[in-house]
Amino acid sequence: MAKVKKISSKKTASSEPAAKEGFPTLKKMTAARNKFAEENGSKILTASKIKELIKSMGLHSGAEFTDALAKEVYLLVGKAAKRTIGNDRKTVNPKDL
C-alpha cells in the first residue's frame, strides 16, 4: 500500500479562513482523507483496469504505479474539496478539479 502524503493542518490563523457554518474544517477533511487512504490504499482505483489501459497503449506498468496513482487521486480530491468549500458549496463538481 502506498503511503499517502499527509497534509499538515497546522496553519497560521491568517492563512486558513475561519470555518464556515455547516462546512467541515480543513483539519477534519484532512483527517478523514488520511484515515480513508490508510484503510483503503490503492483500492480507490481498479488496478486491473489501469493496467489494461496502459497495456492498450503498448506499454507496461511498474509494480508500484497503481499505488502512486492512487496517492495522486487522494491529493486531487482533497484539493477539489477545499475549492468546493472555498466557493460556499457542499457538492464537489468537475470544475473543482
Protein backbone atom coordinates (compact mmCIF):
# COMPACT_ATOMS: atom_id res chain seq x y z
CA MET A 1 0.00 0.00 0.00
CA ALA A 2 1.37 3.41 -0.94
CA LYS A 3 1.82 5.94 1.76
CA VAL A 4 -0.33 8.97 1.16
CA LYS A 5 1.35 12.24 1.92
CA LYS A 6 -0.40 13.63 4.94
CA ILE A 7 -1.37 17.24 4.61
CA SER A 8 -0.38 19.21 7.61
CA SER A 9 -3.35 21.00 9.08
CA LYS A 10 -1.10 23.34 11.07
CA LYS A 11 -1.63 26.74 9.55
CA THR A 12 -1.39 30.21 10.93
CA ALA A 13 -4.62 31.98 11.74
CA SER A 14 -4.16 34.31 8.79
CA SER A 15 -3.52 31.56 6.20
CA GLU A 16 -6.61 29.48 6.93
CA PRO A 17 -10.02 31.12 6.80
CA ALA A 18 -12.41 30.59 9.68
CA ALA A 19 -14.60 27.51 9.32
CA LYS A 20 -17.89 28.27 7.67
CA GLU A 21 -21.02 27.17 9.44
CA GLY A 22 -22.21 23.78 8.20
CA PHE A 23 -18.91 23.02 6.42
CA PRO A 24 -16.19 20.66 7.64
CA THR A 25 -12.93 22.23 8.73
CA LEU A 26 -9.72 21.65 6.79
CA LYS A 27 -8.40 19.67 9.74
CA LYS A 28 -11.48 17.38 9.73
CA MET A 29 -11.31 16.88 5.95
CA THR A 30 -7.59 16.11 6.09
CA ALA A 31 -8.05 13.61 8.92
CA ALA A 32 -10.89 11.88 7.05
CA ARG A 33 -8.87 11.66 3.84
CA ASN A 34 -5.81 10.30 5.66
CA LYS A 35 -7.92 7.71 7.50
CA PHE A 36 -9.61 6.60 4.27
CA ALA A 37 -6.26 6.35 2.48
CA GLU A 38 -4.74 4.36 5.32
CA GLU A 39 -7.64 1.91 5.36
CA ASN A 40 -8.11 1.58 1.59
CA GLY A 41 -4.77 2.37 -0.02
CA SER A 42 -4.96 1.92 -3.78
CA LYS A 43 -8.38 0.23 -3.61
CA ILE A 44 -9.89 3.51 -4.74
CA LEU A 45 -8.73 2.55 -8.24
CA THR A 46 -9.16 -0.71 -10.12
CA ALA A 47 -5.62 -1.91 -10.73
CA SER A 48 -6.63 -4.34 -13.47
CA LYS A 49 -8.35 -1.59 -15.49
CA ILE A 50 -5.38 0.73 -15.10
CA LYS A 51 -3.01 -2.00 -16.26
CA GLU A 52 -5.37 -2.80 -19.14
CA LEU A 53 -5.35 0.85 -20.23
CA ILE A 54 -1.57 1.05 -20.10
CA LYS A 55 -1.26 -2.25 -21.98
CA SER A 56 -3.63 -0.94 -24.69
CA MET A 57 -1.10 1.85 -25.23
CA GLY A 58 1.60 -0.71 -25.87
CA LEU A 59 3.32 -0.03 -22.54
CA HIS A 60 4.00 -1.86 -19.28
CA SER A 61 3.20 -0.59 -15.79
CA GLY A 62 5.67 -0.70 -12.93
CA ALA A 63 4.79 -2.63 -9.79
CA GLU A 64 4.06 0.49 -7.77
CA PHE A 65 2.36 2.57 -10.45
CA THR A 66 -1.19 1.94 -9.17
CA ASP A 67 -0.24 2.95 -5.60
CA ALA A 68 1.41 6.13 -6.85
CA LEU A 69 -1.62 6.94 -9.00
CA ALA A 70 -3.94 6.40 -6.01
CA LYS A 71 -1.83 8.84 -3.99
CA GLU A 72 -2.29 11.47 -6.69
CA VAL A 73 -6.04 10.84 -6.76
CA TYR A 74 -6.29 11.38 -2.99
CA LEU A 75 -4.40 14.67 -3.29
CA LEU A 76 -6.53 15.81 -6.22
CA VAL A 77 -9.78 15.01 -4.38
CA GLY A 78 -8.51 16.92 -1.35
CA LYS A 79 -7.77 20.00 -3.46
CA ALA A 80 -11.19 19.79 -5.14
CA ALA A 81 -12.93 19.53 -1.76
CA LYS A 82 -11.03 22.54 -0.46
CA ARG A 83 -12.04 24.58 -3.53
CA THR A 84 -15.65 23.48 -3.11
CA ILE A 85 -15.77 24.79 0.45
CA GLY A 86 -13.99 27.97 -0.62
CA ASN A 87 -16.86 28.57 -3.03
CA ASP A 88 -19.54 28.03 -0.35
CA ARG A 89 -20.73 24.74 -1.83
CA LYS A 90 -21.03 21.21 -0.48
CA THR A 91 -21.09 19.46 -3.85
CA VAL A 92 -17.75 18.71 -5.48
CA ASN A 93 -18.05 19.30 -9.23
CA PRO A 94 -15.76 18.63 -12.22
CA LYS A 95 -14.89 22.33 -12.30
CA ASP A 96 -13.22 21.88 -8.89
CA LEU A 97 -10.52 19.76 -10.49
